[in-house]
Amino acid sequence: MKGIVFDIQRAALHDGPGIRTVVFLKGCPLRCVWCHNPESQRLRPQTGRSGRIYGEEMTLEAVMEQVSADRPFYDNSGGGLTLSGGEPSLQFEFCRSLLIAAKSAGIHTCLDTCGHTPTEKLNALLPFVDLFHFDWKLDCRAEHERWTGGDYVLIQHNLQQLIEAKARIILRCPIVPGVNDTEAHEKCLSSYARHPGIEGIERLAYHTHGLRKYTDLGLEFPHFDHSDESALATDPPPHNS
């Protein structure tokens, strides 16, 4: 069993409870204009103009060896494994196998998902996920499809499915100047914050620290109106998704 991993971050503090190891899997069905990890989008290793390698094939055992190395930190802090991306479920079998391996070892699991995945796959992962970080970007179908290229109806349906299954869910919401920094979007988030099926809302600041990766990969940076510079993050956020 092998998967394509583009990063493993140990001792992470902002991608779930406690001290965590975050495994980033390549491949994403969305093309969000604010994406700061363009190297996560394609489901294959890539080589940048700088010679930097973005992504490598790793066995299940090799990944779990790194995850298990920090077991004492998980036990003392309530931490564990977080799978992120890209969209981890795009590498479904590898994602599922990692979650099963972690659960079998008694390690807490968190899945960071954009929700754009077949519902049956999400349901198949559900028994092995202790906490979902569910990316919620826009609450308008037309605007969501305009800015992400993704199927809003599918994402909304999957969120509702997880709520009905009584999964533990935290919504992670990038706030992007000129896109969703609106009163209407804030009202939507506030309503979700009161929803009994949602444990919390994390608002994530937009930043442009991924620009150099677009250049290195020979990609054109998606242009949009982010003229409100006061709303941009001055430092990289403590997450990578």
C-alpha atoms as a PDB file:
ATOM      1  CA  MET A   1       0.000   0.000   0.000  1.00  0.00           C
ATOM      2  CA  LYS A   2       1.533   3.294  -1.149  1.00  0.00           C
ATOM      3  CA  GLY A   3       0.310   6.865  -1.246  1.00  0.00           C
ATOM      4  CA  ILE A   4       1.650  10.190  -2.478  1.00  0.00           C
ATOM      5  CA  VAL A   5       2.585  12.440   0.437  1.00  0.00           C
ATOM      6  CA  PHE A   6       3.793  16.010  -0.006  1.00  0.00           C
ATOM      7  CA  ASP A   7       4.541  16.847   3.611  1.00  0.00           C
ATOM      8  CA  ILE A   8       4.541  15.452   7.123  1.00  0.00           C
ATOM      9  CA  GLN A   9       4.523  18.007   9.929  1.00  0.00           C
ATOM     10  CA  ARG A  10       5.279  16.783  13.432  1.00  0.00           C
ATOM     11  CA  ALA A  11       4.529  18.596  16.684  1.00  0.00           C
ATOM     12  CA  ALA A  12       1.660  20.518  15.034  1.00  0.00           C
ATOM     13  CA  LEU A  13      -0.554  22.480  17.418  1.00  0.00           C
ATOM     14  CA  HIS A  14      -3.314  23.913  15.236  1.00  0.00           C
ATOM     15  CA  ASP A  15      -4.675  20.961  13.247  1.00  0.00           C
ATOM     16  CA  GLY A  16      -6.765  19.270  15.896  1.00  0.00           C
ATOM     17  CA  PRO A  17      -6.545  18.811  19.663  1.00  0.00           C
ATOM     18  CA  GLY A  18      -3.209  18.380  21.395  1.00  0.00           C
ATOM     19  CA  ILE A  19       0.149  17.780  19.744  1.00  0.00           C
ATOM     20  CA  ARG A  20      -0.324  16.179  16.347  1.00  0.00           C
ATOM     21  CA  THR A  21       1.406  14.757  13.322  1.00  0.00           C
ATOM     22  CA  VAL A  22      -0.167  16.070  10.118  1.00  0.00           C
ATOM     23  CA  VAL A  23       0.183  13.980   6.977  1.00  0.00           C
ATOM     24  CA  PHE A  24      -0.564  15.897   3.765  1.00  0.00           C
ATOM     25  CA  LEU A  25      -1.754  13.797   0.821  1.00  0.00           C
ATOM     26  CA  LYS A  26      -1.566  15.066  -2.758  1.00  0.00           C
ATOM     27  CA  GLY A  27      -4.585  15.529  -4.960  1.00  0.00           C
ATOM     28  CA  CYS A  28      -7.529  17.916  -4.731  1.00  0.00           C
ATOM     29  CA  PRO A  29     -10.762  18.197  -6.754  1.00  0.00           C
ATOM     30  CA  LEU A  30     -11.070  21.937  -6.046  1.00  0.00           C
ATOM     31  CA  ARG A  31      -9.170  24.898  -7.489  1.00  0.00           C
ATOM     32  CA  CYS A  32      -9.783  27.586  -4.873  1.00  0.00           C
ATOM     33  CA  VAL A  33      -8.449  30.943  -5.999  1.00  0.00           C
ATOM     34  CA  TRP A  34      -6.850  31.509  -2.593  1.00  0.00           C
ATOM     35  CA  CYS A  35      -5.115  28.104  -2.416  1.00  0.00           C
ATOM     36  CA  HIS A  36      -1.678  28.521  -0.849  1.00  0.00           C
ATOM     37  CA  ASN A  37      -0.688  24.896  -1.436  1.00  0.00           C
ATOM     38  CA  PRO A  38      -0.800  24.542  -5.228  1.00  0.00           C
ATOM     39  CA  GLU A  39       1.554  21.592  -4.925  1.00  0.00           C
ATOM     40  CA  SER A  40      -1.315  19.703  -3.305  1.00  0.00           C
ATOM     41  CA  GLN A  41      -3.602  19.870  -6.325  1.00  0.00           C
ATOM     42  CA  ARG A  42      -2.231  17.276  -8.739  1.00  0.00           C
ATOM     43  CA  LEU A  43      -2.316  13.612  -7.863  1.00  0.00           C
ATOM     44  CA  ARG A  44       1.319  12.933  -8.707  1.00  0.00           C
ATOM     45  CA  PRO A  45       4.798  14.018  -7.583  1.00  0.00           C
ATOM     46  CA  GLN A  46       6.034  17.229  -9.231  1.00  0.00           C
ATOM     47  CA  THR A  47       9.421  18.856  -9.703  1.00  0.00           C
ATOM     48  CA  GLY A  48       9.635  22.642  -9.460  1.00  0.00           C
ATOM     49  CA  ARG A  49      11.877  24.877 -11.519  1.00  0.00           C
ATOM     50  CA  SER A  50      14.089  25.144  -8.445  1.00  0.00           C
ATOM     51  CA  GLY A  51      14.568  21.380  -8.445  1.00  0.00           C
ATOM     52  CA  ARG A  52      12.409  20.981  -5.375  1.00  0.00           C
ATOM     53  CA  ILE A  53      10.368  17.777  -5.328  1.00  0.00           C
ATOM     54  CA  TYR A  54       6.726  18.190  -4.365  1.00  0.00           C
ATOM     55  CA  GLY A  55       5.407  14.828  -3.232  1.00  0.00           C
ATOM     56  CA  GLU A  56       6.780  11.327  -2.924  1.00  0.00           C
ATOM     57  CA  GLU A  57       5.426   7.822  -2.817  1.00  0.00           C
ATOM     58  CA  MET A  58       5.449   6.437   0.694  1.00  0.00           C
ATOM     59  CA  THR A  59       4.334   3.108   2.081  1.00  0.00           C
ATOM     60  CA  LEU A  60       1.744   2.855   4.792  1.00  0.00           C
ATOM     61  CA  GLU A  61       4.404   1.474   7.112  1.00  0.00           C
ATOM     62  CA  ALA A  62       6.798   4.375   6.467  1.00  0.00           C
ATOM     63  CA  VAL A  63       4.134   6.953   7.258  1.00  0.00           C
ATOM     64  CA  MET A  64       2.962   5.144  10.377  1.00  0.00           C
ATOM     65  CA  GLU A  65       6.542   4.861  11.585  1.00  0.00           C
ATOM     66  CA  GLN A  66       6.743   8.658  11.689  1.00  0.00           C
ATOM     67  CA  VAL A  67       3.276   8.987  13.190  1.00  0.00           C
ATOM     68  CA  SER A  68       3.964   6.429  15.907  1.00  0.00           C
ATOM     69  CA  ALA A  69       7.295   8.023  16.850  1.00  0.00           C
ATOM     70  CA  ASP A  70       5.453  10.816  18.666  1.00  0.00           C
ATOM     71  CA  ARG A  71       3.046   8.562  20.541  1.00  0.00           C
ATOM     72  CA  PRO A  72       4.203   9.831  23.988  1.00  0.00           C
ATOM     73  CA  PHE A  73       3.262  13.393  22.962  1.00  0.00           C
ATOM     74  CA  TYR A  74      -0.198  12.279  21.834  1.00  0.00           C
ATOM     75  CA  ASP A  75      -0.790  10.402  25.067  1.00  0.00           C
ATOM     76  CA  ASN A  76       0.171  13.395  27.210  1.00  0.00           C
ATOM     77  CA  SER A  77      -1.638  16.071  25.199  1.00  0.00           C
ATOM     78  CA  GLY A  78      -4.679  14.359  23.707  1.00  0.00           C
ATOM     79  CA  GLY A  79      -3.149  14.672  20.250  1.00  0.00           C
ATOM     80  CA  GLY A  80      -2.859  12.262  17.364  1.00  0.00           C
ATOM     81  CA  LEU A  81      -2.856  11.962  13.587  1.00  0.00           C
ATOM     82  CA  THR A  82      -4.417  14.507  11.240  1.00  0.00           C
ATOM     83  CA  LEU A  83      -4.817  13.690   7.545  1.00  0.00           C
ATOM     84  CA  SER A  84      -4.904  16.765   5.345  1.00  0.00           C
ATOM     85  CA  GLY A  85      -4.174  17.724   1.746  1.00  0.00           C
ATOM     86  CA  GLY A  86      -5.270  18.493  -0.858  1.00  0.00           C
ATOM     87  CA  GLU A  87      -8.268  16.313  -0.208  1.00  0.00           C
ATOM     88  CA  PRO A  88      -7.151  13.133   1.606  1.00  0.00           C
ATOM     89  CA  SER A  89     -10.121  11.068   0.448  1.00  0.00           C
ATOM     90  CA  LEU A  90      -8.982  11.444  -3.162  1.00  0.00           C
ATOM     91  CA  GLN A  91      -6.407   8.779  -2.263  1.00  0.00           C
ATOM     92  CA  PHE A  92      -9.216   6.815  -0.690  1.00  0.00           C
ATOM     93  CA  GLU A  93      -7.622   3.424  -0.010  1.00  0.00           C
ATOM     94  CA  PHE A  94      -4.428   4.925   1.377  1.00  0.00           C
ATOM     95  CA  CYS A  95      -6.366   7.446   3.464  1.00  0.00           C
ATOM     96  CA  ARG A  96      -8.634   4.735   4.860  1.00  0.00           C
ATOM     97  CA  SER A  97      -5.709   2.427   5.597  1.00  0.00           C
ATOM     98  CA  LEU A  98      -3.866   5.158   7.501  1.00  0.00           C
ATOM     99  CA  LEU A  99      -6.932   5.932   9.582  1.00  0.00           C
ATOM    100  CA  ILE A 100      -7.474   2.245  10.355  1.00  0.00           C
ATOM    101  CA  ALA A 101      -3.817   1.792  11.303  1.00  0.00           C
ATOM    102  CA  ALA A 102      -3.921   4.786  13.621  1.00  0.00           C
ATOM    103  CA  LYS A 103      -7.172   3.712  15.272  1.00  0.00           C
ATOM    104  CA  SER A 104      -5.820   0.185  15.705  1.00  0.00           C
ATOM    105  CA  ALA A 105      -2.832   1.699  17.514  1.00  0.00           C
ATOM    106  CA  GLY A 106      -5.108   3.739  19.784  1.00  0.00           C
ATOM    107  CA  ILE A 107      -4.141   7.049  18.146  1.00  0.00           C
ATOM    108  CA  HIS A 108      -6.732   9.839  17.858  1.00  0.00           C
ATOM    109  CA  THR A 109      -7.617  10.653  14.238  1.00  0.00           C
ATOM    110  CA  CYS A 110      -8.699  13.865  12.561  1.00  0.00           C
ATOM    111  CA  LEU A 111      -9.643  14.212   8.884  1.00  0.00           C
ATOM    112  CA  ASP A 112      -9.315  17.629   7.248  1.00  0.00           C
ATOM    113  CA  THR A 113     -11.705  17.468   4.305  1.00  0.00           C
ATOM    114  CA  CYS A 114     -13.179  19.906   1.811  1.00  0.00           C
ATOM    115  CA  GLY A 115     -16.245  17.644   1.644  1.00  0.00           C
ATOM    116  CA  HIS A 116     -15.977  17.281  -2.131  1.00  0.00           C
ATOM    117  CA  THR A 117     -15.922  13.488  -2.246  1.00  0.00           C
ATOM    118  CA  PRO A 118     -18.473  10.766  -3.020  1.00  0.00           C
ATOM    119  CA  THR A 119     -20.753  10.397  -0.015  1.00  0.00           C
ATOM    120  CA  GLU A 120     -20.253   6.643   0.116  1.00  0.00           C
ATOM    121  CA  LYS A 121     -16.511   7.168   0.555  1.00  0.00           C
ATOM    122  CA  LEU A 122     -17.041   9.665   3.341  1.00  0.00           C
ATOM    123  CA  ASN A 123     -19.382   7.210   5.050  1.00  0.00           C
ATOM    124  CA  ALA A 124     -16.760   4.472   4.715  1.00  0.00           C
ATOM    125  CA  LEU A 125     -14.191   6.676   6.480  1.00  0.00           C
ATOM    126  CA  LEU A 126     -16.570   7.774   9.235  1.00  0.00           C
ATOM    127  CA  PRO A 127     -15.968   4.844  11.657  1.00  0.00           C
ATOM    128  CA  PHE A 128     -12.237   5.599  11.729  1.00  0.00           C
ATOM    129  CA  VAL A 129     -12.395   9.381  12.224  1.00  0.00           C
ATOM    130  CA  ASP A 130     -12.632  10.881  15.711  1.00  0.00           C
ATOM    131  CA  LEU A 131     -12.923  14.476  14.512  1.00  0.00           C
ATOM    132  CA  PHE A 132     -13.691  16.099  11.163  1.00  0.00           C
ATOM    133  CA  HIS A 133     -12.204  19.428  10.179  1.00  0.00           C
ATOM    134  CA  PHE A 134     -14.674  20.352   7.464  1.00  0.00           C
ATOM    135  CA  ASP A 135     -13.702  23.225   5.170  1.00  0.00           C
ATOM    136  CA  TRP A 136     -16.637  25.584   4.658  1.00  0.00           C
ATOM    137  CA  LYS A 137     -15.810  28.248   2.099  1.00  0.00           C
ATOM    138  CA  LEU A 138     -18.995  29.859   0.780  1.00  0.00           C
ATOM    139  CA  ASP A 139     -22.694  29.375   1.411  1.00  0.00           C
ATOM    140  CA  CYS A 140     -23.893  30.439  -2.058  1.00  0.00           C
ATOM    141  CA  ARG A 141     -23.916  27.787  -4.792  1.00  0.00           C
ATOM    142  CA  ALA A 142     -23.028  30.114  -7.663  1.00  0.00           C
ATOM    143  CA  GLU A 143     -20.279  31.894  -5.718  1.00  0.00           C
ATOM    144  CA  HIS A 144     -18.869  28.633  -4.396  1.00  0.00           C
ATOM    145  CA  GLU A 145     -18.599  27.174  -7.871  1.00  0.00           C
ATOM    146  CA  ARG A 146     -17.149  30.427  -9.207  1.00  0.00           C
ATOM    147  CA  TRP A 147     -14.353  30.640  -6.647  1.00  0.00           C
ATOM    148  CA  THR A 148     -13.574  26.957  -6.052  1.00  0.00           C
ATOM    149  CA  GLY A 149     -14.730  25.119  -9.178  1.00  0.00           C
ATOM    150  CA  GLY A 150     -16.440  22.584  -6.915  1.00  0.00           C
ATOM    151  CA  ASP A 151     -19.916  21.160  -6.449  1.00  0.00           C
ATOM    152  CA  TYR A 152     -21.555  23.089  -3.615  1.00  0.00           C
ATOM    153  CA  VAL A 153     -24.539  20.735  -3.486  1.00  0.00           C
ATOM    154  CA  LEU A 154     -22.299  17.696  -2.892  1.00  0.00           C
ATOM    155  CA  ILE A 155     -20.336  19.456  -0.148  1.00  0.00           C
ATOM    156  CA  GLN A 156     -23.500  20.677   1.581  1.00  0.00           C
ATOM    157  CA  HIS A 157     -25.008  17.184   1.357  1.00  0.00           C
ATOM    158  CA  ASN A 158     -21.904  15.588   2.852  1.00  0.00           C
ATOM    159  CA  LEU A 159     -21.844  18.047   5.728  1.00  0.00           C
ATOM    160  CA  GLN A 160     -25.477  17.255   6.484  1.00  0.00           C
ATOM    161  CA  GLN A 161     -24.720  13.532   6.307  1.00  0.00           C
ATOM    162  CA  LEU A 162     -21.960  13.885   8.888  1.00  0.00           C
ATOM    163  CA  ILE A 163     -24.217  15.937  11.136  1.00  0.00           C
ATOM    164  CA  GLU A 164     -26.959  13.293  10.929  1.00  0.00           C
ATOM    165  CA  ALA A 165     -24.366  10.607  11.718  1.00  0.00           C
ATOM    166  CA  LYS A 166     -23.483  12.596  14.865  1.00  0.00           C
ATOM    167  CA  ALA A 167     -19.855  12.953  13.805  1.00  0.00           C
ATOM    168  CA  ARG A 168     -17.695  15.416  15.691  1.00  0.00           C
ATOM    169  CA  ILE A 169     -17.268  18.405  13.349  1.00  0.00           C
ATOM    170  CA  ILE A 170     -15.359  21.675  13.428  1.00  0.00           C
ATOM    171  CA  LEU A 171     -15.890  23.991  10.473  1.00  0.00           C
ATOM    172  CA  ARG A 172     -12.717  25.633   9.134  1.00  0.00           C
ATOM    173  CA  CYS A 173     -13.524  28.777   7.231  1.00  0.00           C
ATOM    174  CA  PRO A 174     -10.976  30.800   5.226  1.00  0.00           C
ATOM    175  CA  ILE A 175     -11.949  34.467   5.218  1.00  0.00           C
ATOM    176  CA  VAL A 176     -10.833  35.880   1.870  1.00  0.00           C
ATOM    177  CA  PRO A 177     -10.973  39.626   1.164  1.00  0.00           C
ATOM    178  CA  GLY A 178     -13.213  40.398  -1.791  1.00  0.00           C
ATOM    179  CA  VAL A 179     -14.641  36.880  -1.837  1.00  0.00           C
ATOM    180  CA  ASN A 180     -16.427  35.947   1.383  1.00  0.00           C
ATOM    181  CA  ASP A 181     -15.602  38.691   3.891  1.00  0.00           C
ATOM    182  CA  THR A 182     -19.239  39.719   3.852  1.00  0.00           C
ATOM    183  CA  GLU A 183     -21.957  40.259   6.411  1.00  0.00           C
ATOM    184  CA  ALA A 184     -24.050  37.536   4.770  1.00  0.00           C
ATOM    185  CA  HIS A 185     -21.251  34.976   5.096  1.00  0.00           C
ATOM    186  CA  GLU A 186     -20.638  35.919   8.720  1.00  0.00           C
ATOM    187  CA  LYS A 187     -24.342  35.444   9.452  1.00  0.00           C
ATOM    188  CA  CYS A 188     -24.100  31.993   7.885  1.00  0.00           C
ATOM    189  CA  LEU A 189     -21.116  31.088  10.063  1.00  0.00           C
ATOM    190  CA  SER A 190     -22.863  32.412  13.148  1.00  0.00           C
ATOM    191  CA  SER A 191     -25.874  30.230  12.417  1.00  0.00           C
ATOM    192  CA  TYR A 192     -23.633  27.170  12.065  1.00  0.00           C
ATOM    193  CA  ALA A 193     -21.933  28.077  15.353  1.00  0.00           C
ATOM    194  CA  ARG A 194     -25.317  27.636  17.054  1.00  0.00           C
ATOM    195  CA  HIS A 195     -26.007  24.343  15.295  1.00  0.00           C
ATOM    196  CA  PRO A 196     -25.997  21.424  17.780  1.00  0.00           C
ATOM    197  CA  GLY A 197     -24.107  19.249  15.281  1.00  0.00           C
ATOM    198  CA  ILE A 198     -21.162  21.650  14.950  1.00  0.00           C
ATOM    199  CA  GLU A 199     -18.610  21.800  17.775  1.00  0.00           C
ATOM    200  CA  GLY A 200     -16.914  24.999  16.662  1.00  0.00           C
ATOM    201  CA  ILE A 201     -15.956  27.433  13.925  1.00  0.00           C
ATOM    202  CA  GLU A 202     -12.364  28.318  13.030  1.00  0.00           C
ATOM    203  CA  ARG A 203     -11.964  31.432  10.901  1.00  0.00           C
ATOM    204  CA  LEU A 204      -8.694  31.310   8.946  1.00  0.00           C
ATOM    205  CA  ALA A 205      -6.950  34.441   7.665  1.00  0.00           C
ATOM    206  CA  TYR A 206      -6.055  34.707   3.989  1.00  0.00           C
ATOM    207  CA  HIS A 207      -2.408  35.225   3.050  1.00  0.00           C
ATOM    208  CA  THR A 208      -0.179  35.150  -0.038  1.00  0.00           C
ATOM    209  CA  HIS A 209       2.737  33.106   1.268  1.00  0.00           C
ATOM    210  CA  GLY A 210       2.153  30.403  -1.347  1.00  0.00           C
ATOM    211  CA  LEU A 211       2.962  32.697  -4.276  1.00  0.00           C
ATOM    212  CA  ARG A 212       6.519  31.426  -4.647  1.00  0.00           C
ATOM    213  CA  LYS A 213       5.237  27.869  -5.058  1.00  0.00           C
ATOM    214  CA  TYR A 214       3.043  28.897  -7.999  1.00  0.00           C
ATOM    215  CA  THR A 215       6.127  30.417  -9.617  1.00  0.00           C
ATOM    216  CA  ASP A 216       8.262  27.375  -8.900  1.00  0.00           C
ATOM    217  CA  LEU A 217       5.642  25.060 -10.404  1.00  0.00           C
ATOM    218  CA  GLY A 218       5.202  27.253 -13.478  1.00  0.00           C
ATOM    219  CA  LEU A 219       1.607  28.014 -12.573  1.00  0.00           C
ATOM    220  CA  GLU A 220      -0.210  31.299 -12.971  1.00  0.00           C
ATOM    221  CA  PHE A 221      -1.397  32.639  -9.640  1.00  0.00           C
ATOM    222  CA  PRO A 222      -5.206  33.031  -9.692  1.00  0.00           C
ATOM    223  CA  HIS A 223      -5.996  36.722  -9.692  1.00  0.00           C
ATOM    224  CA  PHE A 224      -8.846  38.201  -7.726  1.00  0.00           C
ATOM    225  CA  ASP A 225      -9.573  41.359  -5.796  1.00  0.00           C
ATOM    226  CA  HIS A 226      -7.723  41.259  -2.489  1.00  0.00           C
ATOM    227  CA  SER A 227      -7.116  44.995  -2.365  1.00  0.00           C
ATOM    228  CA  ASP A 228      -8.043  45.241   1.302  1.00  0.00           C
ATOM    229  CA  GLU A 229      -4.466  44.703   2.469  1.00  0.00           C
ATOM    230  CA  SER A 230      -5.442  45.336   6.083  1.00  0.00           C
ATOM    231  CA  ALA A 231      -7.365  42.067   6.024  1.00  0.00           C
ATOM    232  CA  LEU A 232      -4.412  39.957   4.925  1.00  0.00           C
ATOM    233  CA  ALA A 233      -2.444  37.869   7.388  1.00  0.00           C
ATOM    234  CA  THR A 234       0.993  39.352   8.014  1.00  0.00           C
ATOM    235  CA  ASP A 235       2.433  36.010   9.132  1.00  0.00           C
ATOM    236  CA  PRO A 236       1.841  32.512   7.778  1.00  0.00           C
ATOM    237  CA  PRO A 237      -1.032  30.797   9.578  1.00  0.00           C
ATOM    238  CA  PRO A 238      -0.263  27.839  11.843  1.00  0.00           C
ATOM    239  CA  HIS A 239      -1.955  25.392   9.460  1.00  0.00           C
ATOM    240  CA  ASN A 240      -1.207  24.208   5.975  1.00  0.00           C
ATOM    241  CA  SER A 241      -4.513  23.229   4.470  1.00  0.00           C
END
